[in-house]
Amino acid sequence: MNQDTTDVSLVKWALGGAALGALTMFLMDPDRGNRRRALAKDKAYSMAVRTRKQIDAKTRDLANRAKGLRAEAKHLVSGDSSGSDTAGDTNASPNAK
């Protein structure tokens, strides 16, 4: 192994350890540590809720797009060339032509 890569790796480990120690000191502070931990917990929970809502919205969007594509494919396969968008509409007036 090259001496330069060993030195860089050692520096990365040292900086990582120092950062982890600073974070531990920050969160375990006897004066304000409880508040900081509660705030971090609240932010993590909020981020999880936002992420879940975004995933749900994307899932619904994709399901609706797939349903639309299925309807278009069914329309193309059926050979309906009337061009009317109300062909399958159950609310359309039976006298309308």
C-alpha atoms as a PDB file:
ATOM      1  CA  MET A   1       0.000   0.000   0.000  1.00  0.00           C
ATOM      2  CA  ASN A   2       1.218   3.477  -0.817  1.00  0.00           C
ATOM      3  CA  GLN A   3       2.380   5.716   2.062  1.00  0.00           C
ATOM      4  CA  ASP A   4       0.260   8.654   0.786  1.00  0.00           C
ATOM      5  CA  THR A   5      -2.968   6.634   0.802  1.00  0.00           C
ATOM      6  CA  THR A   6      -2.185   5.324   4.288  1.00  0.00           C
ATOM      7  CA  ASP A   7      -1.690   8.880   5.558  1.00  0.00           C
ATOM      8  CA  VAL A   8      -4.942  10.058   3.949  1.00  0.00           C
ATOM      9  CA  SER A   9      -6.820   7.088   5.398  1.00  0.00           C
ATOM     10  CA  LEU A  10      -5.393   7.787   8.856  1.00  0.00           C
ATOM     11  CA  VAL A  11      -6.396  11.461   8.596  1.00  0.00           C
ATOM     12  CA  LYS A  12      -9.943  10.481   7.521  1.00  0.00           C
ATOM     13  CA  TRP A  13     -10.286   8.151  10.513  1.00  0.00           C
ATOM     14  CA  ALA A  14      -8.953  10.813  12.872  1.00  0.00           C
ATOM     15  CA  LEU A  15     -11.327  13.474  11.529  1.00  0.00           C
ATOM     16  CA  GLY A  16     -14.245  11.057  11.667  1.00  0.00           C
ATOM     17  CA  GLY A  17     -13.449  10.171  15.272  1.00  0.00           C
ATOM     18  CA  ALA A  18     -13.135  13.833  16.221  1.00  0.00           C
ATOM     19  CA  ALA A  19     -16.490  14.606  14.562  1.00  0.00           C
ATOM     20  CA  LEU A  20     -18.155  11.693  16.353  1.00  0.00           C
ATOM     21  CA  GLY A  21     -16.698  12.865  19.667  1.00  0.00           C
ATOM     22  CA  ALA A  22     -17.893  16.420  19.084  1.00  0.00           C
ATOM     23  CA  LEU A  23     -21.392  15.176  18.222  1.00  0.00           C
ATOM     24  CA  THR A  24     -21.456  13.036  21.368  1.00  0.00           C
ATOM     25  CA  MET A  25     -20.391  15.987  23.501  1.00  0.00           C
ATOM     26  CA  PHE A  26     -22.995  18.193  21.831  1.00  0.00           C
ATOM     27  CA  LEU A  27     -25.843  15.736  22.468  1.00  0.00           C
ATOM     28  CA  MET A  28     -24.762  14.643  25.965  1.00  0.00           C
ATOM     29  CA  ASP A  29     -24.264  18.168  27.293  1.00  0.00           C
ATOM     30  CA  PRO A  30     -25.699  18.212  30.843  1.00  0.00           C
ATOM     31  CA  ASP A  31     -27.180  21.707  30.423  1.00  0.00           C
ATOM     32  CA  ARG A  32     -28.893  21.560  27.047  1.00  0.00           C
ATOM     33  CA  GLY A  33     -28.422  17.973  25.896  1.00  0.00           C
ATOM     34  CA  ASN A  34     -32.013  16.924  26.656  1.00  0.00           C
ATOM     35  CA  ARG A  35     -33.383  19.757  24.516  1.00  0.00           C
ATOM     36  CA  ARG A  36     -30.998  18.992  21.666  1.00  0.00           C
ATOM     37  CA  ARG A  37     -31.854  15.276  21.706  1.00  0.00           C
ATOM     38  CA  ALA A  38     -35.579  16.044  21.744  1.00  0.00           C
ATOM     39  CA  LEU A  39     -35.159  18.487  18.877  1.00  0.00           C
ATOM     40  CA  ALA A  40     -33.178  15.939  16.860  1.00  0.00           C
ATOM     41  CA  LYS A  41     -35.841  13.308  17.562  1.00  0.00           C
ATOM     42  CA  ASP A  42     -38.628  15.684  16.471  1.00  0.00           C
ATOM     43  CA  LYS A  43     -36.801  16.609  13.277  1.00  0.00           C
ATOM     44  CA  ALA A  44     -36.172  12.959  12.426  1.00  0.00           C
ATOM     45  CA  TYR A  45     -39.846  12.126  13.023  1.00  0.00           C
ATOM     46  CA  SER A  46     -40.964  15.090  10.916  1.00  0.00           C
ATOM     47  CA  MET A  47     -38.641  14.062   8.082  1.00  0.00           C
ATOM     48  CA  ALA A  48     -39.991  10.499   8.232  1.00  0.00           C
ATOM     49  CA  VAL A  49     -43.598  11.754   8.033  1.00  0.00           C
ATOM     50  CA  ARG A  50     -42.790  14.059   5.089  1.00  0.00           C
ATOM     51  CA  THR A  51     -40.987  11.235   3.303  1.00  0.00           C
ATOM     52  CA  ARG A  52     -43.906   8.854   3.873  1.00  0.00           C
ATOM     53  CA  LYS A  53     -46.363  11.459   2.525  1.00  0.00           C
ATOM     54  CA  GLN A  54     -44.219  12.046  -0.565  1.00  0.00           C
ATOM     55  CA  ILE A  55     -43.937   8.309  -1.211  1.00  0.00           C
ATOM     56  CA  ASP A  56     -47.718   7.923  -0.826  1.00  0.00           C
ATOM     57  CA  ALA A  57     -48.338  10.808  -3.234  1.00  0.00           C
ATOM     58  CA  LYS A  58     -45.911   9.401  -5.814  1.00  0.00           C
ATOM     59  CA  THR A  59     -47.481   5.953  -5.461  1.00  0.00           C
ATOM     60  CA  ARG A  60     -50.972   7.343  -6.057  1.00  0.00           C
ATOM     61  CA  ASP A  61     -49.704   9.374  -9.014  1.00  0.00           C
ATOM     62  CA  LEU A  62     -48.080   6.348 -10.622  1.00  0.00           C
ATOM     63  CA  ALA A  63     -51.179   4.220 -10.008  1.00  0.00           C
ATOM     64  CA  ASN A  64     -53.381   6.860 -11.631  1.00  0.00           C
ATOM     65  CA  ARG A  65     -51.022   7.164 -14.605  1.00  0.00           C
ATOM     66  CA  ALA A  66     -51.019   3.392 -15.030  1.00  0.00           C
ATOM     67  CA  LYS A  67     -54.825   3.365 -14.875  1.00  0.00           C
ATOM     68  CA  GLY A  68     -54.921   6.075 -17.553  1.00  0.00           C
ATOM     69  CA  LEU A  69     -52.500   4.180 -19.789  1.00  0.00           C
ATOM     70  CA  ARG A  70     -54.581   1.037 -19.363  1.00  0.00           C
ATOM     71  CA  ALA A  71     -57.709   2.943 -20.376  1.00  0.00           C
ATOM     72  CA  GLU A  72     -55.949   4.399 -23.428  1.00  0.00           C
ATOM     73  CA  ALA A  73     -54.645   0.987 -24.460  1.00  0.00           C
ATOM     74  CA  LYS A  74     -58.100  -0.526 -24.036  1.00  0.00           C
ATOM     75  CA  HIS A  75     -59.538   2.276 -26.160  1.00  0.00           C
ATOM     76  CA  LEU A  76     -56.946   1.712 -28.902  1.00  0.00           C
ATOM     77  CA  VAL A  77     -57.412  -2.066 -28.898  1.00  0.00           C
ATOM     78  CA  SER A  78     -61.194  -1.835 -28.991  1.00  0.00           C
ATOM     79  CA  GLY A  79     -60.980   0.000 -32.317  1.00  0.00           C
ATOM     80  CA  ASP A  80     -63.432   2.688 -31.270  1.00  0.00           C
ATOM     81  CA  SER A  81     -62.872   5.378 -33.881  1.00  0.00           C
ATOM     82  CA  SER A  82     -65.789   7.609 -32.894  1.00  0.00           C
ATOM     83  CA  GLY A  83     -63.366  10.043 -31.278  1.00  0.00           C
ATOM     84  CA  SER A  84     -65.882  10.689 -28.527  1.00  0.00           C
ATOM     85  CA  ASP A  85     -64.517  10.908 -25.010  1.00  0.00           C
ATOM     86  CA  THR A  86     -67.972  10.139 -23.607  1.00  0.00           C
ATOM     87  CA  ALA A  87     -68.212   6.671 -25.176  1.00  0.00           C
ATOM     88  CA  GLY A  88     -67.667   4.963 -21.839  1.00  0.00           C
ATOM     89  CA  ASP A  89     -69.142   7.725 -19.693  1.00  0.00           C
ATOM     90  CA  THR A  90     -72.073   6.419 -17.669  1.00  0.00           C
ATOM     91  CA  ASN A  91     -73.248   9.972 -16.961  1.00  0.00           C
ATOM     92  CA  ALA A  92     -73.682  10.820 -20.639  1.00  0.00           C
ATOM     93  CA  SER A  93     -77.233  11.343 -21.811  1.00  0.00           C
ATOM     94  CA  PRO A  94     -78.636   8.295 -23.640  1.00  0.00           C
ATOM     95  CA  ASN A  95     -80.226  10.618 -26.265  1.00  0.00           C
ATOM     96  CA  ALA A  96     -76.956  12.415 -27.037  1.00  0.00           C
ATOM     97  CA  LYS A  97     -75.401  11.274 -30.292  1.00  0.00           C
END
